[in-house]
Amino acid sequence: MMQFSRRNFVKAGAAGLALASMPSLVRGAQKSKPQIAVQLYSVRTLCGKDLVGTLKAIKEMGYVGVEFAGYYGKNAKELKQILGDVGLVACGTHTGLDTIKPEKIQETIAFNQRSATSF
């Protein structure tokens, strides 16, 4: 168990209050919205039926990126084009264990590089 003196507790509390009263120090001086992405696994059934329509709806909700959970029959070039057209970026992907084994890792890296966009 960590020992915490009253003096250190008061110092930590004062520092916390000072930071809380100055949000620009906590978040930085920049006043921009956080960039948030959605896991496509959570809408996998919709993606399976209409990937482009689902991505457009996600963009309209205010998300800026997606994390793939399958590619719905699309290759890397097609995915990059769709994301560009819709105005989203790919910020991640669910990667199966079999795709990172030594015999497949280079193929997986190449696919992700071809489809990559970033925040």
PDB file of N, CA and C in Angstrom:
ATOM      1  N   MET A   1       0.835  -1.175   0.000  1.00  0.00           N
ATOM      2  CA  MET A   1       0.000   0.000   0.000  1.00  0.00           C
ATOM      3  C   MET A   1       0.882   1.242   0.000  1.00  0.00           C
ATOM      4  N   MET A   2       0.515   2.232  -0.769  1.00  0.00           N
ATOM      5  CA  MET A   2       1.307   3.448  -0.892  1.00  0.00           C
ATOM      6  C   MET A   2       0.997   4.393   0.262  1.00  0.00           C
ATOM      7  N   GLN A   3       2.038   4.919   0.890  1.00  0.00           N
ATOM      8  CA  GLN A   3       1.867   5.897   1.961  1.00  0.00           C
ATOM      9  C   GLN A   3       1.737   7.283   1.332  1.00  0.00           C
ATOM     10  N   PHE A   4       0.768   8.049   1.806  1.00  0.00           N
ATOM     11  CA  PHE A   4       0.512   9.370   1.262  1.00  0.00           C
ATOM     12  C   PHE A   4       0.312  10.318   2.434  1.00  0.00           C
ATOM     13  N   SER A   5       1.246  11.213   2.640  1.00  0.00           N
ATOM     14  CA  SER A   5       1.153  12.132   3.783  1.00  0.00           C
ATOM     15  C   SER A   5       0.069  13.186   3.534  1.00  0.00           C
ATOM     16  N   ARG A   6      -0.385  13.804   4.602  1.00  0.00           N
ATOM     17  CA  ARG A   6      -1.381  14.873   4.466  1.00  0.00           C
ATOM     18  C   ARG A   6      -0.835  16.011   3.618  1.00  0.00           C
ATOM     19  N   ARG A   7       0.427  16.318   3.826  1.00  0.00           N
ATOM     20  CA  ARG A   7       1.052  17.406   3.071  1.00  0.00           C
ATOM     21  C   ARG A   7       1.022  17.101   1.568  1.00  0.00           C
ATOM     22  N   ASN A   8       1.402  15.877   1.184  1.00  0.00           N
ATOM     23  CA  ASN A   8       1.375  15.500  -0.233  1.00  0.00           C
ATOM     24  C   ASN A   8      -0.051  15.454  -0.764  1.00  0.00           C
ATOM     25  N   PHE A   9      -0.979  15.030   0.069  1.00  0.00           N
ATOM     26  CA  PHE A   9      -2.382  15.003  -0.335  1.00  0.00           C
ATOM     27  C   PHE A   9      -2.882  16.414  -0.639  1.00  0.00           C
ATOM     28  N   VAL A  10      -2.555  17.347   0.219  1.00  0.00           N
ATOM     29  CA  VAL A  10      -2.976  18.737   0.016  1.00  0.00           C
ATOM     30  C   VAL A  10      -2.323  19.309  -1.242  1.00  0.00           C
ATOM     31  N   LYS A  11      -1.034  19.022  -1.443  1.00  0.00           N
ATOM     32  CA  LYS A  11      -0.342  19.499  -2.645  1.00  0.00           C
ATOM     33  C   LYS A  11      -0.999  18.947  -3.907  1.00  0.00           C
ATOM     34  N   ALA A  12      -1.276  17.650  -3.897  1.00  0.00           N
ATOM     35  CA  ALA A  12      -1.889  17.021  -5.064  1.00  0.00           C
ATOM     36  C   ALA A  12      -3.280  17.593  -5.309  1.00  0.00           C
ATOM     37  N   GLY A  13      -4.032  17.802  -4.244  1.00  0.00           N
ATOM     38  CA  GLY A  13      -5.367  18.382  -4.390  1.00  0.00           C
ATOM     39  C   GLY A  13      -5.323  19.782  -4.951  1.00  0.00           C
ATOM     40  N   ALA A  14      -4.387  20.587  -4.475  1.00  0.00           N
ATOM     41  CA  ALA A  14      -4.246  21.960  -4.958  1.00  0.00           C
ATOM     42  C   ALA A  14      -3.847  21.970  -6.432  1.00  0.00           C
ATOM     43  N   ALA A  15      -2.946  21.084  -6.799  1.00  0.00           N
ATOM     44  CA  ALA A  15      -2.519  21.005  -8.194  1.00  0.00           C
ATOM     45  C   ALA A  15      -3.688  20.586  -9.077  1.00  0.00           C
ATOM     46  N   GLY A  16      -4.477  19.627  -8.614  1.00  0.00           N
ATOM     47  CA  GLY A  16      -5.643  19.176  -9.368  1.00  0.00           C
ATOM     48  C   GLY A  16      -6.655  20.291  -9.564  1.00  0.00           C
ATOM     49  N   LEU A  17      -6.912  21.053  -8.506  1.00  0.00           N
ATOM     50  CA  LEU A  17      -7.842  22.177  -8.613  1.00  0.00           C
ATOM     51  C   LEU A  17      -7.325  23.247  -9.567  1.00  0.00           C
ATOM     52  N   ALA A  18      -6.024  23.505  -9.510  1.00  0.00           N
ATOM     53  CA  ALA A  18      -5.440  24.507 -10.412  1.00  0.00           C
ATOM     54  C   ALA A  18      -5.602  24.070 -11.863  1.00  0.00           C
ATOM     55  N   LEU A  19      -5.334  22.802 -12.150  1.00  0.00           N
ATOM     56  CA  LEU A  19      -5.478  22.302 -13.519  1.00  0.00           C
ATOM     57  C   LEU A  19      -6.936  22.314 -13.965  1.00  0.00           C
ATOM     58  N   ALA A  20      -7.833  21.947 -13.063  1.00  0.00           N
ATOM     59  CA  ALA A  20      -9.252  21.931 -13.410  1.00  0.00           C
ATOM     60  C   ALA A  20      -9.769  23.321 -13.727  1.00  0.00           C
ATOM     61  N   SER A  21      -9.202  24.317 -13.097  1.00  0.00           N
ATOM     62  CA  SER A  21      -9.657  25.686 -13.348  1.00  0.00           C
ATOM     63  C   SER A  21      -9.056  26.261 -14.619  1.00  0.00           C
ATOM     64  N   MET A  22      -8.095  25.569 -15.221  1.00  0.00           N
ATOM     65  CA  MET A  22      -7.444  26.033 -16.447  1.00  0.00           C
ATOM     66  C   MET A  22      -7.489  24.924 -17.486  1.00  0.00           C
ATOM     67  N   PRO A  23      -8.650  24.653 -18.082  1.00  0.00           N
ATOM     68  CA  PRO A  23      -8.776  23.543 -19.014  1.00  0.00           C
ATOM     69  C   PRO A  23      -7.829  23.618 -20.198  1.00  0.00           C
ATOM     70  N   SER A  24      -7.424  24.825 -20.588  1.00  0.00           N
ATOM     71  CA  SER A  24      -6.521  24.925 -21.730  1.00  0.00           C
ATOM     72  C   SER A  24      -5.166  24.294 -21.426  1.00  0.00           C
ATOM     73  N   LEU A  25      -4.762  24.245 -20.165  1.00  0.00           N
ATOM     74  CA  LEU A  25      -3.504  23.582 -19.813  1.00  0.00           C
ATOM     75  C   LEU A  25      -3.643  22.071 -19.897  1.00  0.00           C
ATOM     76  N   VAL A  26      -4.804  21.579 -19.544  1.00  0.00           N
ATOM     77  CA  VAL A  26      -5.031  20.131 -19.571  1.00  0.00           C
ATOM     78  C   VAL A  26      -5.151  19.640 -21.002  1.00  0.00           C
ATOM     79  N   ARG A  27      -5.909  20.336 -21.828  1.00  0.00           N
ATOM     80  CA  ARG A  27      -6.156  19.920 -23.205  1.00  0.00           C
ATOM     81  C   ARG A  27      -5.189  20.540 -24.189  1.00  0.00           C
ATOM     82  N   GLY A  28      -4.369  21.451 -23.736  1.00  0.00           N
ATOM     83  CA  GLY A  28      -3.504  22.180 -24.638  1.00  0.00           C
ATOM     84  C   GLY A  28      -4.196  23.461 -25.062  1.00  0.00           C
ATOM     85  N   ALA A  29      -3.471  24.338 -25.683  1.00  0.00           N
ATOM     86  CA  ALA A  29      -4.020  25.643 -26.054  1.00  0.00           C
ATOM     87  C   ALA A  29      -5.006  25.543 -27.202  1.00  0.00           C
ATOM     88  N   GLN A  30      -4.939  24.471 -27.961  1.00  0.00           N
ATOM     89  CA  GLN A  30      -5.801  24.299 -29.112  1.00  0.00           C
ATOM     90  C   GLN A  30      -7.247  24.062 -28.682  1.00  0.00           C
ATOM     91  N   LYS A  31      -8.171  24.689 -29.344  1.00  0.00           N
ATOM     92  CA  LYS A  31      -9.590  24.556 -29.005  1.00  0.00           C
ATOM     93  C   LYS A  31     -10.300  23.789 -30.119  1.00  0.00           C
ATOM     94  N   SER A  32      -9.897  22.578 -30.380  1.00  0.00           N
ATOM     95  CA  SER A  32     -10.538  21.786 -31.422  1.00  0.00           C
ATOM     96  C   SER A  32     -11.323  20.639 -30.801  1.00  0.00           C
ATOM     97  N   LYS A  33     -12.265  20.145 -31.569  1.00  0.00           N
ATOM     98  CA  LYS A  33     -13.052  19.006 -31.117  1.00  0.00           C
ATOM     99  C   LYS A  33     -12.172  17.763 -31.120  1.00  0.00           C
ATOM    100  N   PRO A  34     -12.441  16.831 -30.222  1.00  0.00           N
ATOM    101  CA  PRO A  34     -11.711  15.562 -30.295  1.00  0.00           C
ATOM    102  C   PRO A  34     -12.127  14.806 -31.555  1.00  0.00           C
ATOM    103  N   GLN A  35     -11.208  14.106 -32.128  1.00  0.00           N
ATOM    104  CA  GLN A  35     -11.499  13.309 -33.312  1.00  0.00           C
ATOM    105  C   GLN A  35     -11.860  11.908 -32.856  1.00  0.00           C
ATOM    106  N   ILE A  36     -13.061  11.470 -33.184  1.00  0.00           N
ATOM    107  CA  ILE A  36     -13.586  10.207 -32.678  1.00  0.00           C
ATOM    108  C   ILE A  36     -13.924   9.283 -33.842  1.00  0.00           C
ATOM    109  N   ALA A  37     -13.610   8.009 -33.658  1.00  0.00           N
ATOM    110  CA  ALA A  37     -13.902   6.995 -34.663  1.00  0.00           C
ATOM    111  C   ALA A  37     -14.871   5.974 -34.078  1.00  0.00           C
ATOM    112  N   VAL A  38     -15.451   5.176 -34.950  1.00  0.00           N
ATOM    113  CA  VAL A  38     -16.394   4.134 -34.527  1.00  0.00           C
ATOM    114  C   VAL A  38     -15.878   2.781 -35.013  1.00  0.00           C
ATOM    115  N   GLN A  39     -16.076   1.762 -34.179  1.00  0.00           N
ATOM    116  CA  GLN A  39     -15.744   0.401 -34.579  1.00  0.00           C
ATOM    117  C   GLN A  39     -16.835  -0.107 -35.503  1.00  0.00           C
ATOM    118  N   LEU A  40     -16.470  -0.525 -36.694  1.00  0.00           N
ATOM    119  CA  LEU A  40     -17.468  -1.033 -37.627  1.00  0.00           C
ATOM    120  C   LEU A  40     -18.035  -2.380 -37.187  1.00  0.00           C
ATOM    121  N   TYR A  41     -17.372  -3.044 -36.263  1.00  0.00           N
ATOM    122  CA  TYR A  41     -17.923  -4.295 -35.732  1.00  0.00           C
ATOM    123  C   TYR A  41     -19.290  -4.050 -35.116  1.00  0.00           C
ATOM    124  N   SER A  42     -19.474  -2.879 -34.525  1.00  0.00           N
ATOM    125  CA  SER A  42     -20.742  -2.568 -33.871  1.00  0.00           C
ATOM    126  C   SER A  42     -21.884  -2.391 -34.872  1.00  0.00           C
ATOM    127  N   VAL A  43     -21.565  -2.180 -36.133  1.00  0.00           N
ATOM    128  CA  VAL A  43     -22.594  -2.055 -37.177  1.00  0.00           C
ATOM    129  C   VAL A  43     -22.310  -3.026 -38.323  1.00  0.00           C
ATOM    130  N   ARG A  44     -21.738  -4.171 -37.992  1.00  0.00           N
ATOM    131  CA  ARG A  44     -21.304  -5.135 -39.012  1.00  0.00           C
ATOM    132  C   ARG A  44     -22.436  -5.631 -39.897  1.00  0.00           C
ATOM    133  N   THR A  45     -23.626  -5.807 -39.342  1.00  0.00           N
ATOM    134  CA  THR A  45     -24.751  -6.282 -40.146  1.00  0.00           C
ATOM    135  C   THR A  45     -25.128  -5.232 -41.182  1.00  0.00           C
ATOM    136  N   LEU A  46     -25.160  -3.967 -40.775  1.00  0.00           N
ATOM    137  CA  LEU A  46     -25.456  -2.885 -41.713  1.00  0.00           C
ATOM    138  C   LEU A  46     -24.379  -2.768 -42.788  1.00  0.00           C
ATOM    139  N   CYS A  47     -23.119  -2.905 -42.372  1.00  0.00           N
ATOM    140  CA  CYS A  47     -22.018  -2.838 -43.339  1.00  0.00           C
ATOM    141  C   CYS A  47     -22.121  -3.957 -44.362  1.00  0.00           C
ATOM    142  N   GLY A  48     -22.521  -5.135 -43.907  1.00  0.00           N
ATOM    143  CA  GLY A  48     -22.671  -6.265 -44.812  1.00  0.00           C
ATOM    144  C   GLY A  48     -23.744  -6.032 -45.856  1.00  0.00           C
ATOM    145  N   LYS A  49     -24.773  -5.278 -45.506  1.00  0.00           N
ATOM    146  CA  LYS A  49     -25.870  -4.986 -46.432  1.00  0.00           C
ATOM    147  C   LYS A  49     -25.562  -3.795 -47.328  1.00  0.00           C
ATOM    148  N   ASP A  50     -24.931  -2.744 -46.760  1.00  0.00           N
ATOM    149  CA  ASP A  50     -24.675  -1.512 -47.502  1.00  0.00           C
ATOM    150  C   ASP A  50     -23.500  -0.770 -46.863  1.00  0.00           C
ATOM    151  N   LEU A  51     -22.295  -1.133 -47.251  1.00  0.00           N
ATOM    152  CA  LEU A  51     -21.103  -0.543 -46.650  1.00  0.00           C
ATOM    153  C   LEU A  51     -21.049   0.966 -46.877  1.00  0.00           C
ATOM    154  N   VAL A  52     -21.240   1.403 -48.101  1.00  0.00           N
ATOM    155  CA  VAL A  52     -21.129   2.831 -48.412  1.00  0.00           C
ATOM    156  C   VAL A  52     -22.204   3.629 -47.680  1.00  0.00           C
ATOM    157  N   GLY A  53     -23.428   3.157 -47.688  1.00  0.00           N
ATOM    158  CA  GLY A  53     -24.513   3.842 -46.997  1.00  0.00           C
ATOM    159  C   GLY A  53     -24.265   3.935 -45.502  1.00  0.00           C
ATOM    160  N   THR A  54     -23.732   2.860 -44.927  1.00  0.00           N
ATOM    161  CA  THR A  54     -23.431   2.853 -43.498  1.00  0.00           C
ATOM    162  C   THR A  54     -22.322   3.848 -43.182  1.00  0.00           C
ATOM    163  N   LEU A  55     -21.297   3.896 -44.016  1.00  0.00           N
ATOM    164  CA  LEU A  55     -20.202   4.839 -43.803  1.00  0.00           C
ATOM    165  C   LEU A  55     -20.682   6.287 -43.937  1.00  0.00           C
ATOM    166  N   LYS A  56     -21.570   6.534 -44.882  1.00  0.00           N
ATOM    167  CA  LYS A  56     -22.129   7.888 -45.023  1.00  0.00           C
ATOM    168  C   LYS A  56     -22.910   8.280 -43.774  1.00  0.00           C
ATOM    169  N   ALA A  57     -23.696   7.350 -43.240  1.00  0.00           N
ATOM    170  CA  ALA A  57     -24.468   7.631 -42.022  1.00  0.00           C
ATOM    171  C   ALA A  57     -23.541   7.902 -40.842  1.00  0.00           C
ATOM    172  N   ILE A  58     -22.454   7.148 -40.760  1.00  0.00           N
ATOM    173  CA  ILE A  58     -21.474   7.350 -39.690  1.00  0.00           C
ATOM    174  C   ILE A  58     -20.857   8.744 -39.796  1.00  0.00           C
ATOM    175  N   LYS A  59     -20.528   9.156 -40.999  1.00  0.00           N
ATOM    176  CA  LYS A  59     -19.967  10.499 -41.226  1.00  0.00           C
ATOM    177  C   LYS A  59     -20.976  11.574 -40.816  1.00  0.00           C
ATOM    178  N   GLU A  60     -22.243  11.381 -41.189  1.00  0.00           N
ATOM    179  CA  GLU A  60     -23.283  12.352 -40.851  1.00  0.00           C
ATOM    180  C   GLU A  60     -23.487  12.468 -39.336  1.00  0.00           C
ATOM    181  N   MET A  61     -23.195  11.405 -38.596  1.00  0.00           N
ATOM    182  CA  MET A  61     -23.313  11.438 -37.141  1.00  0.00           C
ATOM    183  C   MET A  61     -22.192  12.241 -36.494  1.00  0.00           C
ATOM    184  N   GLY A  62     -21.147  12.549 -37.252  1.00  0.00           N
ATOM    185  CA  GLY A  62     -20.061  13.365 -36.725  1.00  0.00           C
ATOM    186  C   GLY A  62     -18.762  12.627 -36.476  1.00  0.00           C
ATOM    187  N   TYR A  63     -18.717  11.345 -36.778  1.00  0.00           N
ATOM    188  CA  TYR A  63     -17.466  10.602 -36.631  1.00  0.00           C
ATOM    189  C   TYR A  63     -16.510  11.006 -37.744  1.00  0.00           C
ATOM    190  N   VAL A  64     -15.204  10.923 -37.463  1.00  0.00           N
ATOM    191  CA  VAL A  64     -14.207  11.256 -38.484  1.00  0.00           C
ATOM    192  C   VAL A  64     -13.450  10.029 -38.965  1.00  0.00           C
ATOM    193  N   GLY A  65     -13.587   8.919 -38.261  1.00  0.00           N
ATOM    194  CA  GLY A  65     -12.863   7.720 -38.643  1.00  0.00           C
ATOM    195  C   GLY A  65     -13.606   6.452 -38.293  1.00  0.00           C
ATOM    196  N   VAL A  66     -13.077   5.347 -38.823  1.00  0.00           N
ATOM    197  CA  VAL A  66     -13.643   4.031 -38.557  1.00  0.00           C
ATOM    198  C   VAL A  66     -12.522   3.034 -38.280  1.00  0.00           C
ATOM    199  N   GLU A  67     -12.868   2.024 -37.504  1.00  0.00           N
ATOM    200  CA  GLU A  67     -11.983   0.888 -37.294  1.00  0.00           C
ATOM    201  C   GLU A  67     -12.651  -0.308 -37.948  1.00  0.00           C
ATOM    202  N   PHE A  68     -11.980  -0.875 -38.926  1.00  0.00           N
ATOM    203  CA  PHE A  68     -12.557  -1.988 -39.669  1.00  0.00           C
ATOM    204  C   PHE A  68     -12.598  -3.268 -38.851  1.00  0.00           C
ATOM    205  N   ALA A  69     -13.623  -4.057 -39.145  1.00  0.00           N
ATOM    206  CA  ALA A  69     -13.776  -5.401 -38.588  1.00  0.00           C
ATOM    207  C   ALA A  69     -14.241  -6.275 -39.748  1.00  0.00           C
ATOM    208  N   GLY A  70     -13.371  -6.437 -40.708  1.00  0.00           N
ATOM    209  CA  GLY A  70     -13.718  -7.100 -41.960  1.00  0.00           C
ATOM    210  C   GLY A  70     -13.764  -6.053 -43.060  1.00  0.00           C
ATOM    211  N   TYR A  71     -13.651  -6.526 -44.305  1.00  0.00           N
ATOM    212  CA  TYR A  71     -13.547  -5.600 -45.425  1.00  0.00           C
ATOM    213  C   TYR A  71     -14.700  -5.731 -46.413  1.00  0.00           C
ATOM    214  N   TYR A  72     -15.657  -6.584 -46.121  1.00  0.00           N
ATOM    215  CA  TYR A  72     -16.899  -6.689 -46.881  1.00  0.00           C
ATOM    216  C   TYR A  72     -16.661  -6.865 -48.376  1.00  0.00           C
ATOM    217  N   GLY A  73     -15.689  -7.705 -48.705  1.00  0.00           N
ATOM    218  CA  GLY A  73     -15.399  -8.034 -50.093  1.00  0.00           C
ATOM    219  C   GLY A  73     -14.656  -6.965 -50.863  1.00  0.00           C
ATOM    220  N   LYS A  74     -14.179  -5.938 -50.195  1.00  0.00           N
ATOM    221  CA  LYS A  74     -13.468  -4.847 -50.866  1.00  0.00           C
ATOM    222  C   LYS A  74     -11.964  -5.030 -50.721  1.00  0.00           C
ATOM    223  N   ASN A  75     -11.227  -4.623 -51.746  1.00  0.00           N
ATOM    224  CA  ASN A  75      -9.770  -4.648 -51.633  1.00  0.00           C
ATOM    225  C   ASN A  75      -9.298  -3.316 -51.060  1.00  0.00           C
ATOM    226  N   ALA A  76      -8.000  -3.214 -50.819  1.00  0.00           N
ATOM    227  CA  ALA A  76      -7.442  -2.024 -50.168  1.00  0.00           C
ATOM    228  C   ALA A  76      -7.697  -0.755 -50.967  1.00  0.00           C
ATOM    229  N   LYS A  77      -7.526  -0.822 -52.270  1.00  0.00           N
ATOM    230  CA  LYS A  77      -7.722   0.354 -53.119  1.00  0.00           C
ATOM    231  C   LYS A  77      -9.180   0.822 -53.064  1.00  0.00           C
ATOM    232  N   GLU A  78     -10.104  -0.131 -53.123  1.00  0.00           N
ATOM    233  CA  GLU A  78     -11.530   0.219 -53.055  1.00  0.00           C
ATOM    234  C   GLU A  78     -11.884   0.856 -51.713  1.00  0.00           C
ATOM    235  N   LEU A  79     -11.357   0.285 -50.634  1.00  0.00           N
ATOM    236  CA  LEU A  79     -11.641   0.845 -49.307  1.00  0.00           C
ATOM    237  C   LEU A  79     -11.139   2.272 -49.177  1.00  0.00           C
ATOM    238  N   LYS A  80      -9.932   2.505 -49.655  1.00  0.00           N
ATOM    239  CA  LYS A  80      -9.357   3.850 -49.580  1.00  0.00           C
ATOM    240  C   LYS A  80     -10.198   4.838 -50.382  1.00  0.00           C
ATOM    241  N   GLN A  81     -10.644   4.420 -51.556  1.00  0.00           N
ATOM    242  CA  GLN A  81     -11.472   5.281 -52.411  1.00  0.00           C
ATOM    243  C   GLN A  81     -12.815   5.585 -51.747  1.00  0.00           C
ATOM    244  N   ILE A  82     -13.452   4.562 -51.184  1.00  0.00           N
ATOM    245  CA  ILE A  82     -14.744   4.750 -50.517  1.00  0.00           C
ATOM    246  C   ILE A  82     -14.591   5.713 -49.346  1.00  0.00           C
ATOM    247  N   LEU A  83     -13.573   5.486 -48.521  1.00  0.00           N
ATOM    248  CA  LEU A  83     -13.357   6.361 -47.361  1.00  0.00           C
ATOM    249  C   LEU A  83     -13.103   7.803 -47.805  1.00  0.00           C
ATOM    250  N   GLY A  84     -12.307   7.968 -48.847  1.00  0.00           N
ATOM    251  CA  GLY A  84     -12.032   9.305 -49.361  1.00  0.00           C
ATOM    252  C   GLY A  84     -13.286   9.988 -49.875  1.00  0.00           C
ATOM    253  N   ASP A  85     -14.113   9.245 -50.594  1.00  0.00           N
ATOM    254  CA  ASP A  85     -15.354   9.796 -51.132  1.00  0.00           C
ATOM    255  C   ASP A  85     -16.320  10.210 -50.022  1.00  0.00           C
ATOM    256  N   VAL A  86     -16.369   9.400 -48.959  1.00  0.00           N
ATOM    257  CA  VAL A  86     -17.286   9.656 -47.850  1.00  0.00           C
ATOM    258  C   VAL A  86     -16.728  10.728 -46.912  1.00  0.00           C
ATOM    259  N   GLY A  87     -15.405  10.820 -46.830  1.00  0.00           N
ATOM    260  CA  GLY A  87     -14.782  11.801 -45.938  1.00  0.00           C
ATOM    261  C   GLY A  87     -14.426  11.236 -44.581  1.00  0.00           C
ATOM    262  N   LEU A  88     -14.140   9.954 -44.533  1.00  0.00           N
ATOM    263  CA  LEU A  88     -13.715   9.298 -43.295  1.00  0.00           C
ATOM    264  C   LEU A  88     -12.290   8.786 -43.453  1.00  0.00           C
ATOM    265  N   VAL A  89     -11.661   8.459 -42.340  1.00  0.00           N
ATOM    266  CA  VAL A  89     -10.341   7.842 -42.366  1.00  0.00           C
ATOM    267  C   VAL A  89     -10.406   6.506 -41.647  1.00  0.00           C
ATOM    268  N   ALA A  90      -9.513   5.613 -42.010  1.00  0.00           N
ATOM    269  CA  ALA A  90      -9.364   4.339 -41.305  1.00  0.00           C
ATOM    270  C   ALA A  90      -8.333   4.557 -40.211  1.00  0.00           C
ATOM    271  N   CYS A  91      -8.733   4.362 -38.985  1.00  0.00           N
ATOM    272  CA  CYS A  91      -7.806   4.588 -37.874  1.00  0.00           C
ATOM    273  C   CYS A  91      -7.374   3.285 -37.243  1.00  0.00           C
ATOM    274  N   GLY A  92      -7.907   2.171 -37.715  1.00  0.00           N
ATOM    275  CA  GLY A  92      -7.522   0.880 -37.170  1.00  0.00           C
ATOM    276  C   GLY A  92      -8.278  -0.242 -37.847  1.00  0.00           C
ATOM    277  N   THR A  93      -7.897  -1.441 -37.499  1.00  0.00           N
ATOM    278  CA  THR A  93      -8.569  -2.614 -38.037  1.00  0.00           C
ATOM    279  C   THR A  93      -8.415  -3.771 -37.070  1.00  0.00           C
ATOM    280  N   HIS A  94      -9.425  -4.603 -37.014  1.00  0.00           N
ATOM    281  CA  HIS A  94      -9.300  -5.847 -36.258  1.00  0.00           C
ATOM    282  C   HIS A  94      -8.428  -6.752 -37.115  1.00  0.00           C
ATOM    283  N   THR A  95      -7.372  -7.250 -36.567  1.00  0.00           N
ATOM    284  CA  THR A  95      -6.445  -8.098 -37.313  1.00  0.00           C
ATOM    285  C   THR A  95      -6.445  -9.486 -36.707  1.00  0.00           C
ATOM    286  N   GLY A  96      -6.848 -10.461 -37.487  1.00  0.00           N
ATOM    287  CA  GLY A  96      -6.883 -11.839 -37.013  1.00  0.00           C
ATOM    288  C   GLY A  96      -5.485 -12.386 -36.800  1.00  0.00           C
ATOM    289  N   LEU A  97      -5.371 -13.291 -35.866  1.00  0.00           N
ATOM    290  CA  LEU A  97      -4.074 -13.889 -35.550  1.00  0.00           C
ATOM    291  C   LEU A  97      -3.428 -14.526 -36.771  1.00  0.00           C
ATOM    292  N   ASP A  98      -4.216 -15.164 -37.605  1.00  0.00           N
ATOM    293  CA  ASP A  98      -3.652 -15.816 -38.787  1.00  0.00           C
ATOM    294  C   ASP A  98      -3.026 -14.827 -39.760  1.00  0.00           C
ATOM    295  N   THR A  99      -3.461 -13.570 -39.743  1.00  0.00           N
ATOM    296  CA  THR A  99      -2.917 -12.577 -40.687  1.00  0.00           C
ATOM    297  C   THR A  99      -1.608 -11.954 -40.220  1.00  0.00           C
ATOM    298  N   ILE A 100      -1.186 -12.247 -38.989  1.00  0.00           N
ATOM    299  CA  ILE A 100       0.099 -11.706 -38.531  1.00  0.00           C
ATOM    300  C   ILE A 100       1.136 -12.796 -38.313  1.00  0.00           C
ATOM    301  N   LYS A 101       0.823 -14.009 -38.766  1.00  0.00           N
ATOM    302  CA  LYS A 101       1.811 -15.087 -38.717  1.00  0.00           C
ATOM    303  C   LYS A 101       2.890 -14.801 -39.750  1.00  0.00           C
ATOM    304  N   PRO A 102       4.093 -15.336 -39.542  1.00  0.00           N
ATOM    305  CA  PRO A 102       5.224 -15.009 -40.431  1.00  0.00           C
ATOM    306  C   PRO A 102       4.926 -15.159 -41.922  1.00  0.00           C
ATOM    307  N   GLU A 103       4.158 -16.160 -42.305  1.00  0.00           N
ATOM    308  CA  GLU A 103       3.895 -16.370 -43.733  1.00  0.00           C
ATOM    309  C   GLU A 103       2.881 -15.379 -44.317  1.00  0.00           C
ATOM    310  N   LYS A 104       2.180 -14.621 -43.484  1.00  0.00           N
ATOM    311  CA  LYS A 104       1.158 -13.685 -43.957  1.00  0.00           C
ATOM    312  C   LYS A 104       1.432 -12.226 -43.586  1.00  0.00           C
ATOM    313  N   ILE A 105       2.386 -11.981 -42.703  1.00  0.00           N
ATOM    314  CA  ILE A 105       2.561 -10.636 -42.152  1.00  0.00           C
ATOM    315  C   ILE A 105       2.866  -9.583 -43.219  1.00  0.00           C
ATOM    316  N   GLN A 106       3.699  -9.905 -44.191  1.00  0.00           N
ATOM    317  CA  GLN A 106       4.034  -8.929 -45.233  1.00  0.00           C
ATOM    318  C   GLN A 106       2.816  -8.557 -46.065  1.00  0.00           C
ATOM    319  N   GLU A 107       1.981  -9.532 -46.362  1.00  0.00           N
ATOM    320  CA  GLU A 107       0.740  -9.292 -47.108  1.00  0.00           C
ATOM    321  C   GLU A 107      -0.199  -8.388 -46.299  1.00  0.00           C
ATOM    322  N   THR A 108      -0.289  -8.636 -45.001  1.00  0.00           N
ATOM    323  CA  THR A 108      -1.140  -7.831 -44.124  1.00  0.00           C
ATOM    324  C   THR A 108      -0.639  -6.393 -44.038  1.00  0.00           C
ATOM    325  N   ILE A 109       0.661  -6.231 -43.901  1.00  0.00           N
ATOM    326  CA  ILE A 109       1.251  -4.887 -43.849  1.00  0.00           C
ATOM    327  C   ILE A 109       0.980  -4.146 -45.154  1.00  0.00           C
ATOM    328  N   ALA A 110       1.198  -4.809 -46.273  1.00  0.00           N
ATOM    329  CA  ALA A 110       0.990  -4.168 -47.581  1.00  0.00           C
ATOM    330  C   ALA A 110      -0.472  -3.752 -47.756  1.00  0.00           C
ATOM    331  N   PHE A 111      -1.406  -4.613 -47.361  1.00  0.00           N
ATOM    332  CA  PHE A 111      -2.830  -4.285 -47.477  1.00  0.00           C
ATOM    333  C   PHE A 111      -3.152  -3.036 -46.671  1.00  0.00           C
ATOM    334  N   ASN A 112      -2.676  -2.999 -45.440  1.00  0.00           N
ATOM    335  CA  ASN A 112      -2.968  -1.855 -44.578  1.00  0.00           C
ATOM    336  C   ASN A 112      -2.311  -0.577 -45.050  1.00  0.00           C
ATOM    337  N   GLN A 113      -1.135  -0.682 -45.649  1.00  0.00           N
ATOM    338  CA  GLN A 113      -0.481   0.504 -46.200  1.00  0.00           C
ATOM    339  C   GLN A 113      -1.248   1.034 -47.410  1.00  0.00           C
ATOM    340  N   ARG A 114      -1.777   0.146 -48.240  1.00  0.00           N
ATOM    341  CA  ARG A 114      -2.523   0.576 -49.424  1.00  0.00           C
ATOM    342  C   ARG A 114      -3.865   1.214 -49.075  1.00  0.00           C
ATOM    343  N   SER A 115      -4.468   0.765 -47.967  1.00  0.00           N
ATOM    344  CA  SER A 115      -5.786   1.286 -47.614  1.00  0.00           C
ATOM    345  C   SER A 115      -5.710   2.404 -46.579  1.00  0.00           C
ATOM    346  N   ALA A 116      -4.509   2.708 -46.120  1.00  0.00           N
ATOM    347  CA  ALA A 116      -4.339   3.614 -44.989  1.00  0.00           C
ATOM    348  C   ALA A 116      -4.688   5.049 -45.305  1.00  0.00           C
ATOM    349  N   THR A 117      -5.393   5.615 -44.379  1.00  0.00           N
ATOM    350  CA  THR A 117      -5.567   7.053 -44.254  1.00  0.00           C
ATOM    351  C   THR A 117      -5.386   7.302 -42.776  1.00  0.00           C
ATOM    352  N   SER A 118      -5.223   8.511 -42.355  1.00  0.00           N
ATOM    353  CA  SER A 118      -5.003   8.734 -40.938  1.00  0.00           C
ATOM    354  C   SER A 118      -5.698   9.994 -40.457  1.00  0.00           C
ATOM    355  N   PHE A 119      -5.804  10.095 -39.143  1.00  0.00           N
ATOM    356  CA  PHE A 119      -6.401  11.273 -38.513  1.00  0.00           C
ATOM    357  C   PHE A 119      -5.580  12.485 -38.869  1.00  0.00           C
TER     358      PHE A 119
END
